[in-house]
Amino acid sequence: MSVLIKGGTVVTAEQTFAADVLCEDGKIVAIADKLEAPGGAEIVDAVGQYVLPGGIDPHTHMQLPFMGTVASEDFFTGTAAALSGGTTMIIDFAIPAPQERLLDAYQQWREWAEKSCADYTFHVAVTWWDDIVHEDMGTLVREHGVNSFKHFMAYKGAIMCDDEVLVNSFSRALELGAIPTVHAENGELVFRLQKEIYEKGVTGPEGHPLSRPPEVEGEAANRAIRIAEVLKAPLYIVHNSCIQSLEAITRARNEGQRVFGEVLAGHLVIDDSVYRDPDFEVAAAHVMSPPFREPRHQEALWRGLQSGNLQTTATDHCCFVAEQKAVGAEDFRLIPNGTGGVENRMEVLWEHGVNKGRLTMNEFVAVTSTNAAQIFNIYPRKGSISVGADADIVVWDPAATKTISTKTDHQNVDFNIFEGMTVKGCASHTISNGKIVWADGKLNVERGTGRYVDRPPFADYYSALKIRADLAEPVPVDRQQNVKKRA
């Protein structure tokens, strides 16, 4: 199958130029002026539009079992919604329960994800530590294409990592050429504050941000960074929501550490007033962790993107419907944490970034696609418009407008945190693996067509070998890949 995108302007993280793009057998095979369509090719008229690398959302949770329930979005509905908004790949999370083998959790998530209609891969969480975890991390890197491991510094009594786990896991990740990632909130402080606030009679959703102030995020981010500094490990910090964590990242990067930061589209445009909405369903629908912050934090996060101290944008897409959120009607601590957004991330970033002059088009491509591909070692296969890259492409109409609404959403959730927001700039066509899957406002997707994407370990592994003499077995040569460019 061939697809020829004609008359558009190609926009990558590095450059902007007019060209046609030809896709065959799931790959980009030619980029040039006035290409001729091969026989039987589908033609996409991109005149007046931009041709961008498909978006990569590096932080989603499809059908996640969490807080006594399961997220309403599964891998089929979630990836379909992503494609309608121009995101062609997600990085989800395999999260073992304490004492569960990492390999068992990974295999369970692989099974759930077989229904995906867009490409996907996994971070694997480390939620406990012993020799079995050490062994499983090696197997995941060498045999299953995993090069990142997640650590929750929050959720005491469930999946929270203490410092001993962080030190052991960060060290093992360094040995293997993998990158540790962290959810940075001080779980001990959150647990204490939740108890104190509830006992004072604050039981509604307004208690959620009070129990997770910016300081608990900043402390955890700084602690993880300093542990990584001592171990000489790289670090990726997910969903930064506040000035305190951004300052910790900025300081570390200025000191030469390899620390990367992610920000959610929601944290850039929504403030904490949502938790004081008199309608419980509305306030509860916004409960996620870290919570939305005071407006001053949003402006700081935009500056973080502009300066390059934050490199990626994500959604933490984890949907719970009103009935599930209602479990916490009398106790905010029981409200399942999570919001949606995988369908709207790129629209929101274009409207509030490009249209408002905060981001150039090239910076938009970097923070929605290319940087994630580079950080997680799948560039230029993903995140680029180049010959040989996967044909994951979004044709972007800068003149198209829409008002975001659950009435027209493809996400499987009954509330949209961007409800009522009008955006200018949307995907007119999405191409996934060389197939047109979104056009004229209609999805054309098939269950199970998404592919699992291997992510090789990092070449930094060999630098680590020179520093540490007691490392485990080396990574096979055929699984090594240099990162061509660090974000």
Protein backbone atom coordinates (compact mmCIF):
# COMPACT_ATOMS: atom_id res chain seq x y z
CA MET A 1 0.00 0.00 0.00
CA SER A 2 1.28 3.46 -0.95
CA VAL A 3 0.27 6.88 0.34
CA LEU A 4 1.49 10.10 -1.26
CA ILE A 5 1.15 13.33 0.74
CA LYS A 6 1.24 16.14 -1.80
CA GLY A 7 1.70 19.87 -1.56
CA GLY A 8 2.35 20.19 2.14
CA THR A 9 5.04 21.86 4.23
CA VAL A 10 7.16 19.38 6.17
CA VAL A 11 7.88 20.50 9.72
CA THR A 12 10.43 18.62 11.81
CA ALA A 13 12.18 19.51 15.05
CA GLU A 14 15.07 20.92 13.01
CA GLN A 15 13.67 22.43 9.82
CA THR A 16 10.68 23.49 7.72
CA PHE A 17 10.47 22.94 3.96
CA ALA A 18 7.99 22.29 1.16
CA ALA A 19 7.96 18.69 -0.07
CA ASP A 20 5.83 15.71 -1.02
CA VAL A 21 6.19 12.60 1.12
CA LEU A 22 5.75 9.07 -0.25
CA CYS A 23 5.01 6.14 2.05
CA GLU A 24 5.19 2.49 1.03
CA ASP A 25 4.90 -0.69 3.10
CA GLY A 26 4.74 1.26 6.34
CA LYS A 27 7.89 3.32 5.72
CA ILE A 28 8.73 6.75 4.33
CA VAL A 29 10.51 6.02 1.05
CA ALA A 30 10.86 9.42 -0.60
CA ILE A 31 10.76 13.12 0.29
CA ALA A 32 11.07 15.55 -2.62
CA ASP A 33 9.36 18.21 -4.68
CA LYS A 34 6.54 17.03 -6.94
CA LEU A 35 6.73 13.28 -6.46
CA GLU A 36 4.68 11.13 -8.81
CA ALA A 37 2.13 8.80 -7.28
CA PRO A 38 2.73 5.11 -7.97
CA GLY A 39 -0.19 3.13 -9.35
CA GLY A 40 -2.94 2.58 -6.81
CA ALA A 41 -1.51 5.05 -4.30
CA GLU A 42 -3.84 6.99 -2.03
CA ILE A 43 -3.21 10.71 -2.33
CA VAL A 44 -3.54 13.15 0.55
CA ASP A 45 -3.91 16.78 -0.51
CA ALA A 46 -1.85 18.70 2.06
CA VAL A 47 -1.83 22.10 0.35
CA GLY A 48 -1.89 24.79 3.02
CA GLN A 49 -1.16 22.22 5.73
CA TYR A 50 1.84 20.97 7.68
CA VAL A 51 3.27 17.47 7.54
CA LEU A 52 4.55 16.48 10.99
CA PRO A 53 5.97 13.37 12.64
CA GLY A 54 3.17 11.51 14.43
CA GLY A 55 2.90 12.46 18.08
CA ILE A 56 4.40 10.27 20.80
CA ASP A 57 2.69 10.34 24.19
CA PRO A 58 5.35 9.02 26.59
CA HIS A 59 2.98 8.63 29.56
CA THR A 60 -0.34 6.78 29.38
CA HIS A 61 -2.17 4.21 31.52
CA MET A 62 -4.65 2.18 29.48
CA GLN A 63 -6.93 -0.19 31.45
CA LEU A 64 -4.78 0.30 34.55
CA PRO A 65 -5.87 -1.58 37.69
CA PHE A 66 -5.64 1.13 40.33
CA MET A 67 -7.20 2.12 43.66
CA GLY A 68 -9.67 -0.76 43.64
CA THR A 69 -10.95 -0.28 40.10
CA VAL A 70 -9.73 -0.40 36.49
CA ALA A 71 -9.31 2.58 34.16
CA SER A 72 -12.19 2.84 31.70
CA GLU A 73 -9.96 3.23 28.64
CA ASP A 74 -8.54 0.05 27.13
CA PHE A 75 -5.71 -0.23 24.63
CA PHE A 76 -8.00 -0.25 21.60
CA THR A 77 -10.21 2.70 22.51
CA GLY A 78 -7.26 4.64 23.88
CA THR A 79 -4.99 4.25 20.86
CA ALA A 80 -7.93 4.97 18.52
CA ALA A 81 -8.59 8.22 20.39
CA ALA A 82 -4.89 9.05 20.20
CA LEU A 83 -4.84 8.58 16.42
CA SER A 84 -7.80 10.94 15.97
CA GLY A 85 -5.72 13.68 17.60
CA GLY A 86 -2.48 13.01 15.72
CA THR A 87 -0.68 10.83 18.29
CA THR A 88 0.59 7.66 16.60
CA MET A 89 2.46 6.00 19.47
CA ILE A 90 2.10 5.68 23.23
CA ILE A 91 4.48 4.56 25.95
CA ASP A 92 2.38 2.89 28.62
CA PHE A 93 3.40 1.37 31.97
CA ALA A 94 3.57 -2.22 33.13
CA ILE A 95 3.18 -1.96 36.91
CA PRO A 96 3.80 -5.03 39.07
CA ALA A 97 2.15 -5.31 42.45
CA PRO A 98 4.63 -5.56 45.35
CA GLN A 99 6.25 -9.01 45.27
CA GLU A 100 4.98 -9.64 41.72
CA ARG A 101 7.68 -10.45 39.18
CA LEU A 102 8.42 -7.70 36.68
CA LEU A 103 8.31 -10.22 33.85
CA ASP A 104 4.85 -11.43 34.86
CA ALA A 105 3.47 -7.88 34.91
CA TYR A 106 5.13 -7.10 31.59
CA GLN A 107 3.61 -10.18 29.95
CA GLN A 108 0.16 -9.26 31.31
CA TRP A 109 0.37 -5.76 29.85
CA ARG A 110 1.64 -7.13 26.53
CA GLU A 111 -1.44 -9.34 26.41
CA TRP A 112 -3.79 -6.45 27.18
CA ALA A 113 -2.09 -4.29 24.54
CA GLU A 114 -2.56 -6.78 21.70
CA LYS A 115 -5.81 -4.98 20.83
CA SER A 116 -3.99 -1.65 20.17
CA CYS A 117 -4.51 0.05 16.81
CA ALA A 118 -1.42 2.29 17.15
CA ASP A 119 2.16 1.41 18.03
CA TYR A 120 3.07 1.11 21.69
CA THR A 121 5.83 0.20 24.09
CA PHE A 122 6.27 0.06 27.86
CA HIS A 123 8.09 1.53 30.78
CA VAL A 124 8.22 -1.18 33.48
CA ALA A 125 7.77 -0.12 37.10
CA VAL A 126 10.00 -1.32 39.91
CA THR A 127 7.80 -1.54 43.01
CA TRP A 128 10.00 -3.70 45.25
CA TRP A 129 13.51 -5.12 45.33
CA ASP A 130 15.34 -8.42 45.56
CA ASP A 131 17.54 -10.59 43.35
CA ILE A 132 14.56 -11.61 41.19
CA VAL A 133 13.86 -7.96 40.32
CA HIS A 134 17.55 -7.53 39.49
CA GLU A 135 17.38 -10.53 37.16
CA ASP A 136 14.08 -9.51 35.54
CA MET A 137 15.40 -6.03 34.73
CA GLY A 138 18.23 -7.62 32.78
CA THR A 139 15.89 -9.93 30.90
CA LEU A 140 13.56 -7.07 30.02
CA VAL A 141 16.41 -4.99 28.58
CA ARG A 142 18.20 -7.78 26.73
CA GLU A 143 15.23 -9.77 25.43
CA HIS A 144 12.16 -7.52 25.40
CA GLY A 145 13.28 -4.11 24.22
CA VAL A 146 12.64 -2.25 27.50
CA ASN A 147 15.04 0.61 28.24
CA SER A 148 13.22 2.54 30.97
CA PHE A 149 12.06 1.68 34.48
CA LYS A 150 9.48 3.64 36.49
CA HIS A 151 9.62 4.37 40.22
CA PHE A 152 6.69 5.73 42.22
CA MET A 153 7.88 7.84 45.13
CA ALA A 154 4.22 8.22 46.20
CA TYR A 155 1.33 5.86 47.11
CA LYS A 156 2.53 4.63 50.49
CA GLY A 157 1.33 1.15 51.37
CA ALA A 158 0.94 0.22 47.72
CA ILE A 159 3.60 0.78 45.04
CA MET A 160 5.81 3.40 46.70
CA CYS A 161 9.59 2.97 46.42
CA ASP A 162 11.80 3.87 49.35
CA ASP A 163 15.36 5.11 48.90
CA GLU A 164 16.81 1.60 49.10
CA VAL A 165 14.75 0.51 46.10
CA LEU A 166 15.68 3.67 44.20
CA VAL A 167 19.40 3.16 44.81
CA ASN A 168 19.34 -0.50 43.81
CA SER A 169 17.16 0.02 40.76
CA PHE A 170 18.96 3.13 39.49
CA SER A 171 22.26 1.26 39.78
CA ARG A 172 20.93 -1.73 37.89
CA ALA A 173 19.44 0.47 35.18
CA LEU A 174 22.83 2.14 34.72
CA GLU A 175 24.47 -1.24 34.33
CA LEU A 176 22.00 -2.24 31.66
CA GLY A 177 21.99 0.98 29.65
CA ALA A 178 18.43 1.83 30.70
CA ILE A 179 17.04 5.10 32.06
CA PRO A 180 15.24 5.34 35.43
CA THR A 181 12.07 7.43 35.55
CA VAL A 182 10.30 8.68 38.66
CA HIS A 183 6.93 9.94 39.82
CA ALA A 184 8.26 12.54 42.23
CA GLU A 185 6.09 13.10 45.32
CA ASN A 186 7.15 12.44 48.90
CA GLY A 187 4.81 9.59 49.78
CA GLU A 188 5.39 9.84 53.52
CA LEU A 189 4.42 13.50 53.58
CA VAL A 190 1.39 12.94 51.34
CA PHE A 191 0.17 10.14 53.63
CA ARG A 192 0.55 12.34 56.71
CA LEU A 193 -1.09 15.37 55.12
CA GLN A 194 -4.01 13.33 53.79
CA LYS A 195 -4.71 12.04 57.29
CA GLU A 196 -4.43 15.47 58.91
CA ILE A 197 -6.62 17.22 56.34
CA TYR A 198 -9.31 14.55 56.43
CA GLU A 199 -9.39 14.58 60.23
CA LYS A 200 -9.92 18.35 60.13
CA GLY A 201 -13.15 17.74 58.25
CA VAL A 202 -12.00 18.44 54.69
CA THR A 203 -13.42 15.43 52.87
CA GLY A 204 -14.16 16.72 49.35
CA PRO A 205 -11.91 17.00 46.27
CA GLU A 206 -10.54 20.31 47.55
CA GLY A 207 -8.53 18.24 50.02
CA HIS A 208 -6.60 16.58 47.22
CA PRO A 209 -4.30 19.50 46.28
CA LEU A 210 -3.99 20.51 49.94
CA SER A 211 -2.53 17.09 50.73
CA ARG A 212 -0.05 17.22 47.82
CA PRO A 213 1.46 20.74 47.90
CA PRO A 214 4.26 21.69 45.50
CA GLU A 215 6.86 21.22 48.23
CA VAL A 216 6.30 17.45 48.39
CA GLU A 217 6.91 17.23 44.65
CA GLY A 218 9.97 19.46 44.77
CA GLU A 219 11.53 17.48 47.63
CA ALA A 220 11.07 14.15 45.86
CA ALA A 221 12.36 15.47 42.53
CA ASN A 222 15.48 16.84 44.20
CA ARG A 223 16.04 13.61 46.15
CA ALA A 224 15.78 11.46 43.02
CA ILE A 225 18.10 13.80 41.16
CA ARG A 226 20.73 13.68 43.90
CA ILE A 227 20.57 9.89 44.10
CA ALA A 228 21.05 9.76 40.33
CA GLU A 229 23.92 12.23 40.60
CA VAL A 230 25.83 10.08 43.08
CA LEU A 231 25.26 6.95 40.98
CA LYS A 232 26.05 8.78 37.71
CA ALA A 233 22.74 7.59 36.27
CA PRO A 234 20.53 9.52 33.84
CA LEU A 235 17.02 10.36 35.06
CA TYR A 236 13.63 11.19 33.56
CA ILE A 237 11.04 12.86 35.82
CA VAL A 238 7.44 12.47 34.74
CA HIS A 239 4.53 14.95 34.96
CA ASN A 240 6.29 17.93 36.53
CA SER A 241 3.56 20.24 37.77
CA CYS A 242 5.25 22.96 39.77
CA ILE A 243 8.02 25.50 40.07
CA GLN A 244 9.81 23.47 42.75
CA SER A 245 10.41 20.39 40.61
CA LEU A 246 11.28 22.49 37.57
CA GLU A 247 13.88 24.38 39.60
CA ALA A 248 15.42 21.09 40.76
CA ILE A 249 15.66 19.87 37.16
CA THR A 250 17.05 23.18 35.91
CA ARG A 251 19.71 23.27 38.60
CA ALA A 252 20.78 19.70 37.84
CA ARG A 253 20.97 20.32 34.09
CA ASN A 254 23.01 23.46 34.70
CA GLU A 255 25.39 21.28 36.72
CA GLY A 256 25.77 18.88 33.80
CA GLN A 257 23.47 16.06 34.88
CA ARG A 258 21.48 14.10 32.32
CA VAL A 259 18.07 14.88 33.76
CA PHE A 260 15.00 15.09 31.55
CA GLY A 261 11.60 16.51 32.45
CA GLU A 262 8.08 15.84 31.20
CA VAL A 263 5.04 18.11 31.54
CA LEU A 264 1.39 17.25 30.97
CA ALA A 265 -0.79 19.30 28.64
CA GLY A 266 -3.26 19.65 31.50
CA HIS A 267 -0.70 21.08 33.91
CA LEU A 268 0.11 23.78 31.34
CA VAL A 269 -3.43 25.14 31.01
CA ILE A 270 -5.56 24.12 34.03
CA ASP A 271 -5.27 25.58 37.54
CA ASP A 272 -6.31 24.39 40.98
CA SER A 273 -9.60 26.29 41.02
CA VAL A 274 -11.19 23.18 39.47
CA TYR A 275 -11.06 21.43 42.85
CA ARG A 276 -13.31 24.08 44.37
CA ASP A 277 -16.11 23.56 41.86
CA PRO A 278 -19.36 23.06 43.84
CA ASP A 279 -20.28 20.13 41.58
CA PHE A 280 -18.57 17.07 43.07
CA GLU A 281 -18.44 15.27 39.73
CA VAL A 282 -16.59 18.15 38.09
CA ALA A 283 -14.10 18.57 40.93
CA ALA A 284 -13.52 14.83 41.28
CA ALA A 285 -13.03 14.43 37.53
CA HIS A 286 -9.89 16.59 37.88
CA VAL A 287 -8.35 14.53 40.70
CA MET A 288 -4.97 13.31 39.54
CA SER A 289 -1.48 13.30 40.99
CA PRO A 290 0.33 15.60 41.07
CA PRO A 291 -2.72 17.89 41.18
CA PHE A 292 -3.34 20.99 39.11
CA ARG A 293 -1.59 24.02 40.60
CA GLU A 294 -1.99 27.76 41.07
CA PRO A 295 -1.66 29.77 37.81
CA ARG A 296 1.91 30.91 38.55
CA HIS A 297 3.07 27.33 38.10
CA GLN A 298 1.64 27.09 34.58
CA GLU A 299 3.65 30.09 33.40
CA ALA A 300 6.81 28.61 34.89
CA LEU A 301 6.20 25.29 33.15
CA TRP A 302 5.80 27.04 29.80
CA ARG A 303 9.15 28.73 30.42
CA GLY A 304 10.59 25.31 31.18
CA LEU A 305 9.49 24.08 27.75
CA GLN A 306 10.73 27.22 26.04
CA SER A 307 14.15 26.99 27.68
CA GLY A 308 14.58 23.28 27.00
CA ASN A 309 14.69 22.31 30.66
CA LEU A 310 11.48 20.37 30.08
CA GLN A 311 11.70 18.26 26.94
CA THR A 312 8.50 16.25 26.51
CA THR A 313 4.75 16.67 26.78
CA ALA A 314 2.40 13.88 27.81
CA THR A 315 -1.08 13.28 29.25
CA ASP A 316 -0.82 10.64 32.00
CA HIS A 317 -4.01 9.44 30.28
CA CYS A 318 -5.79 7.37 32.95
CA CYS A 319 -9.56 7.59 32.72
CA PHE A 320 -12.16 6.95 35.41
CA VAL A 321 -15.84 7.68 34.87
CA ALA A 322 -18.12 9.50 37.33
CA GLU A 323 -19.35 6.28 38.91
CA GLN A 324 -15.78 5.25 39.69
CA LYS A 325 -14.85 8.69 41.03
CA ALA A 326 -17.96 8.65 43.26
CA VAL A 327 -16.32 6.05 45.50
CA GLY A 328 -14.57 9.02 47.13
CA ALA A 329 -17.68 11.13 47.62
CA GLU A 330 -17.14 11.17 51.38
CA ASP A 331 -13.35 10.85 51.40
CA PHE A 332 -11.11 12.52 48.81
CA ARG A 333 -8.40 9.95 49.52
CA LEU A 334 -10.51 7.28 47.82
CA ILE A 335 -11.14 9.13 44.55
CA PRO A 336 -9.29 7.22 41.80
CA ASN A 337 -6.47 9.43 40.55
CA GLY A 338 -6.53 10.06 36.82
CA THR A 339 -7.71 12.19 33.91
CA GLY A 340 -7.82 11.83 30.11
CA GLY A 341 -6.27 13.82 27.30
CA VAL A 342 -4.54 11.53 24.78
CA GLU A 343 -6.93 12.72 22.07
CA ASN A 344 -6.41 16.43 22.68
CA ARG A 345 -2.76 16.84 23.73
CA MET A 346 -1.49 18.06 20.35
CA GLU A 347 -4.45 20.38 19.74
CA VAL A 348 -4.05 21.97 23.16
CA LEU A 349 -0.29 22.37 22.73
CA TRP A 350 -0.73 23.94 19.30
CA GLU A 351 -3.43 26.36 20.50
CA HIS A 352 -1.69 27.46 23.71
CA GLY A 353 1.87 27.01 22.46
CA VAL A 354 2.18 27.83 18.77
CA ASN A 355 -0.85 30.07 18.36
CA LYS A 356 0.04 32.10 21.44
CA GLY A 357 3.69 32.50 20.46
CA ARG A 358 5.11 30.35 23.25
CA LEU A 359 6.46 27.66 20.90
CA THR A 360 7.64 27.67 17.31
CA MET A 361 6.30 24.93 15.04
CA ASN A 362 9.66 23.17 15.22
CA GLU A 363 9.64 23.32 19.02
CA PHE A 364 6.09 21.93 18.95
CA VAL A 365 7.31 18.92 16.97
CA ALA A 366 10.22 18.48 19.37
CA VAL A 367 8.11 18.46 22.54
CA THR A 368 5.24 16.36 21.13
CA SER A 369 7.30 13.74 19.30
CA THR A 370 11.00 14.00 18.51
CA ASN A 371 12.39 14.54 22.00
CA ALA A 372 10.54 11.51 23.35
CA ALA A 373 11.86 9.40 20.46
CA GLN A 374 15.41 10.51 21.19
CA ILE A 375 15.25 10.18 24.97
CA PHE A 376 13.80 6.66 24.73
CA ASN A 377 16.10 5.61 21.89
CA ILE A 378 13.71 5.04 18.99
CA TYR A 379 14.84 7.98 16.83
CA PRO A 380 14.85 8.30 13.82
CA ARG A 381 12.50 5.34 13.39
CA LYS A 382 9.95 7.45 15.28
CA GLY A 383 9.72 11.20 15.71
CA SER A 384 11.09 12.11 12.30
CA ILE A 385 10.08 12.75 8.71
CA SER A 386 13.00 11.04 7.00
CA VAL A 387 13.57 8.30 4.46
CA GLY A 388 13.48 4.95 6.26
CA ALA A 389 11.45 6.19 9.21
CA ASP A 390 8.14 4.58 10.09
CA ALA A 391 5.28 6.16 8.16
CA ASP A 392 3.67 7.63 11.28
CA ILE A 393 2.63 11.07 10.09
CA VAL A 394 0.04 13.70 10.93
CA VAL A 395 -1.16 16.21 8.37
CA TRP A 396 -1.94 19.29 10.41
CA ASP A 397 -4.47 21.89 9.33
CA PRO A 398 -3.56 25.17 11.08
CA ALA A 399 -6.86 26.76 10.02
CA ALA A 400 -9.18 24.04 11.35
CA THR A 401 -11.09 24.85 14.51
CA LYS A 402 -13.02 22.74 16.98
CA THR A 403 -14.51 22.99 20.42
CA ILE A 404 -13.39 20.10 22.61
CA SER A 405 -16.32 18.18 24.05
CA THR A 406 -17.15 14.76 25.41
CA LYS A 407 -20.00 14.73 22.89
CA THR A 408 -17.53 14.37 20.04
CA ASP A 409 -14.64 12.65 21.85
CA HIS A 410 -13.36 9.21 21.00
CA GLN A 411 -11.95 8.74 24.51
CA ASN A 412 -13.84 6.26 26.66
CA VAL A 413 -14.60 8.59 29.54
CA ASP A 414 -17.56 10.78 30.47
CA PHE A 415 -15.62 13.97 31.27
CA ASN A 416 -12.97 15.93 29.40
CA ILE A 417 -10.70 18.22 31.41
CA PHE A 418 -10.46 20.48 28.32
CA GLU A 419 -14.26 20.61 27.93
CA GLY A 420 -15.41 23.71 26.06
CA MET A 421 -11.91 24.80 24.97
CA THR A 422 -11.83 26.08 21.39
CA VAL A 423 -8.64 25.22 19.52
CA LYS A 424 -7.38 26.31 16.12
CA GLY A 425 -5.13 23.71 14.52
CA CYS A 426 -6.07 20.04 14.27
CA ALA A 427 -5.12 16.81 12.54
CA SER A 428 -6.85 16.53 9.16
CA HIS A 429 -5.20 13.17 8.45
CA THR A 430 -3.29 10.69 10.57
CA ILE A 431 -1.17 8.00 8.97
CA SER A 432 -0.10 5.05 11.10
CA ASN A 433 2.25 2.40 9.73
CA GLY A 434 1.61 3.78 6.26
CA LYS A 435 -2.19 3.54 6.49
CA ILE A 436 -4.60 6.48 6.61
CA VAL A 437 -6.45 5.93 9.89
CA TRP A 438 -8.01 9.37 10.41
CA ALA A 439 -9.43 11.55 7.64
CA ASP A 440 -12.44 13.82 7.16
CA GLY A 441 -13.28 13.52 10.83
CA LYS A 442 -13.59 9.74 10.70
CA LEU A 443 -11.54 6.93 12.16
CA ASN A 444 -10.60 3.89 10.08
CA VAL A 445 -8.86 1.62 12.56
CA GLU A 446 -8.60 -2.10 13.18
CA ARG A 447 -8.15 -3.81 16.50
CA GLY A 448 -4.71 -5.35 16.86
CA THR A 449 -2.88 -3.47 14.09
CA GLY A 450 -0.63 -1.61 16.51
CA ARG A 451 2.87 -3.00 16.94
CA TYR A 452 5.06 -3.38 19.99
CA VAL A 453 8.18 -1.22 19.55
CA ASP A 454 11.54 -2.48 20.80
CA ARG A 455 13.69 0.21 22.46
CA PRO A 456 17.38 -0.73 22.55
CA PRO A 457 19.59 0.14 25.52
CA PHE A 458 21.80 3.18 25.43
CA ALA A 459 25.41 3.45 24.31
CA ASP A 460 26.08 5.21 27.65
CA TYR A 461 26.30 1.67 28.99
CA TYR A 462 29.88 1.49 27.75
CA SER A 463 30.84 4.71 29.52
CA ALA A 464 29.46 3.17 32.68
CA LEU A 465 31.63 0.11 32.19
CA LYS A 466 34.71 2.28 32.53
CA ILE A 467 33.49 3.74 35.80
CA ARG A 468 32.16 0.65 37.55
CA ALA A 469 34.11 -2.58 37.56
CA ASP A 470 31.53 -4.93 39.02
CA LEU A 471 28.86 -4.78 36.36
CA ALA A 472 26.66 -7.58 35.11
CA GLU A 473 26.79 -9.28 31.71
CA PRO A 474 27.17 -6.99 28.67
CA VAL A 475 24.37 -6.19 26.26
CA PRO A 476 24.58 -8.21 23.00
CA VAL A 477 26.07 -6.21 20.13
CA ASP A 478 22.95 -6.55 17.97
CA ARG A 479 20.85 -4.74 20.57
CA GLN A 480 23.08 -1.66 20.84
CA GLN A 481 22.10 1.66 19.29
CA ASN A 482 23.55 5.09 19.66
CA VAL A 483 21.25 7.96 20.38
CA LYS A 484 21.98 10.28 17.46
CA LYS A 485 20.98 13.38 19.28
CA ARG A 486 20.13 14.00 22.91
CA ALA A 487 17.12 16.19 23.54
